[in-house]
Protein backbone atom coordinates (compact mmCIF):
# COMPACT_ATOMS: atom_id res chain seq x y z
CA MET A 1 -6.76 -38.94 -30.17
CA GLN A 2 -10.25 -37.50 -30.61
CA ALA A 3 -10.01 -35.70 -27.25
CA ALA A 4 -6.71 -34.14 -28.30
CA LEU A 5 -8.24 -32.91 -31.57
CA HIS A 6 -11.23 -31.52 -29.68
CA GLY A 7 -8.84 -29.64 -27.33
CA GLU A 8 -6.96 -28.18 -30.30
CA ALA A 9 -10.24 -27.06 -31.88
CA GLU A 10 -11.23 -25.27 -28.67
CA GLN A 11 -7.87 -23.52 -28.53
CA ALA A 12 -8.21 -22.46 -32.18
CA GLN A 13 -11.60 -20.90 -31.36
CA ARG A 14 -10.07 -18.90 -28.50
CA LEU A 15 -7.17 -17.60 -30.56
CA PRO A 16 -9.06 -14.71 -32.25
CA ALA A 17 -10.30 -13.44 -28.88
CA LEU A 18 -6.77 -13.59 -27.45
CA LYS A 19 -5.35 -11.75 -30.45
CA GLU A 20 -8.00 -9.05 -30.07
CA ALA A 21 -7.24 -8.70 -26.35
CA LEU A 22 -3.53 -8.27 -27.10
CA LYS A 23 -4.28 -5.31 -29.37
CA SER A 24 -5.63 -3.42 -26.37
CA PRO A 25 -3.40 -4.31 -23.40
CA THR A 26 -5.31 -2.10 -20.98
CA TYR A 27 -8.96 -1.94 -20.11
CA SER A 28 -11.14 0.26 -17.98
CA VAL A 29 -13.06 -0.76 -14.90
CA GLU A 30 -16.27 0.31 -16.70
CA GLN A 31 -15.71 -2.47 -19.24
CA VAL A 32 -16.08 -5.02 -16.45
CA GLY A 33 -19.68 -3.88 -16.00
CA ILE A 34 -20.03 -4.02 -12.21
CA PRO A 35 -21.77 -0.96 -10.75
CA GLU A 36 -19.90 0.88 -7.97
CA LEU A 37 -16.65 -0.99 -8.75
CA ARG A 38 -13.66 1.35 -8.62
CA HIS A 39 -10.72 -1.01 -9.04
CA PHE A 40 -9.65 -4.63 -8.62
CA LEU A 41 -6.63 -6.88 -8.69
CA TYR A 42 -6.85 -10.58 -9.54
CA LYS A 43 -3.87 -12.91 -9.19
CA SER A 44 -3.63 -16.55 -10.18
CA LYS A 45 -1.42 -18.38 -7.70
CA SER A 46 -0.64 -21.26 -10.03
CA SER A 47 0.61 -19.11 -12.92
CA GLY A 48 1.68 -16.01 -10.99
CA LEU A 49 -0.16 -13.86 -13.56
CA TYR A 50 -2.44 -11.02 -12.56
CA THR A 51 -4.83 -8.56 -14.10
CA SER A 52 -6.02 -5.15 -13.08
CA PRO A 53 -7.78 -2.37 -15.02
CA GLU A 54 -6.24 1.02 -15.65
CA PHE A 55 -6.75 3.57 -12.91
CA PRO A 56 -10.10 5.39 -13.07
CA ASP A 57 -10.29 9.18 -12.82
CA VAL A 58 -10.60 9.15 -9.02
CA TYR A 59 -7.08 7.62 -8.87
CA LYS A 60 -5.34 9.67 -11.57
CA SER A 61 -2.94 11.54 -9.27
CA ASP A 62 0.24 9.82 -8.07
CA CYS A 63 -0.83 10.41 -4.48
CA GLU A 64 -4.20 8.70 -5.00
CA GLN A 65 -2.61 5.79 -6.86
CA GLU A 66 -0.10 5.27 -4.05
CA ARG A 67 -2.91 5.38 -1.48
CA LEU A 68 -4.88 2.81 -3.46
CA MET A 69 -1.86 0.52 -3.76
CA ASP A 70 -1.31 0.78 0.00
CA CYS A 71 -4.94 -0.24 0.53
CA THR A 72 -4.70 -3.21 -1.81
CA ARG A 73 -1.48 -4.68 -0.49
CA THR A 74 -2.54 -8.12 0.63
CA PRO A 75 -3.18 -8.15 4.35
CA GLN A 76 -0.64 -10.50 5.94
CA HIS A 77 -3.29 -12.36 7.97
CA LEU A 78 -4.62 -13.78 4.68
CA HIS A 79 -1.43 -15.85 4.46
CA HIS A 80 -0.88 -16.76 8.12
CA PRO A 81 0.16 -20.47 8.23
CA THR A 82 -1.76 -21.51 11.36
CA ARG A 83 -4.79 -19.22 11.21
CA PRO A 84 -5.43 -18.41 7.58
CA LEU A 85 -8.00 -15.69 7.23
CA ARG A 86 -9.68 -16.04 3.86
CA TYR A 87 -11.69 -12.81 3.68
CA VAL A 88 -11.05 -9.20 4.65
CA TYR A 89 -13.54 -6.35 4.40
CA ARG A 90 -12.51 -2.77 5.18
CA CYS A 91 -14.64 0.36 5.18
CA GLY A 92 -12.53 3.41 4.48
CA GLU A 93 -13.24 7.10 4.24
CA THR A 94 -13.39 7.07 0.45
CA GLU A 95 -13.91 3.41 -0.55
CA ASN A 96 -14.62 -0.11 0.66
CA LEU A 97 -12.24 -2.99 0.07
CA LEU A 98 -12.99 -6.70 -0.08
CA ALA A 99 -10.13 -9.21 -0.37
CA TRP A 100 -10.18 -12.97 -0.40
CA VAL A 101 -7.77 -15.83 -1.00
CA SER A 102 -8.54 -19.34 -2.18
CA LEU A 103 -6.27 -22.25 -2.99
CA GLY A 104 -5.81 -21.12 -6.57
CA ASP A 105 -6.23 -17.38 -6.66
CA GLN A 106 -6.48 -14.07 -4.86
CA MET A 107 -8.87 -11.19 -5.49
CA ILE A 108 -8.98 -7.66 -4.14
CA VAL A 109 -11.88 -5.40 -5.14
CA VAL A 110 -12.46 -1.75 -4.30
CA PHE A 111 -15.97 -0.29 -4.35
CA ASN A 112 -17.39 3.17 -3.88
CA ARG A 113 -17.91 3.97 -0.22
CA ILE A 114 -21.27 2.83 1.10
CA SER A 115 -23.02 5.76 2.73
């Protein structure tokens, strides 16, 4: 019983933060606070929910957004049943992409190009 009450107390403490987050449904990549980060996509496999910041200025045009989405489509070898590749790193002309898959989640991050 005490554990259940403790769990409810923790949830009650999180509620104000969740309510505040719901007031602002979008966030910028700058709010994440990682230098050189351009964009990311995180997906929880267990819940099917994902999060991603709004597009930064470098991806404001429809053409640039489409190009970014093409880059971030999960490489199929990450889900190959007999040879699962867990990490992918790509150096592109304008950005670098790092993707990885674990048992519970998937993450794709896009950084400024390393010169």
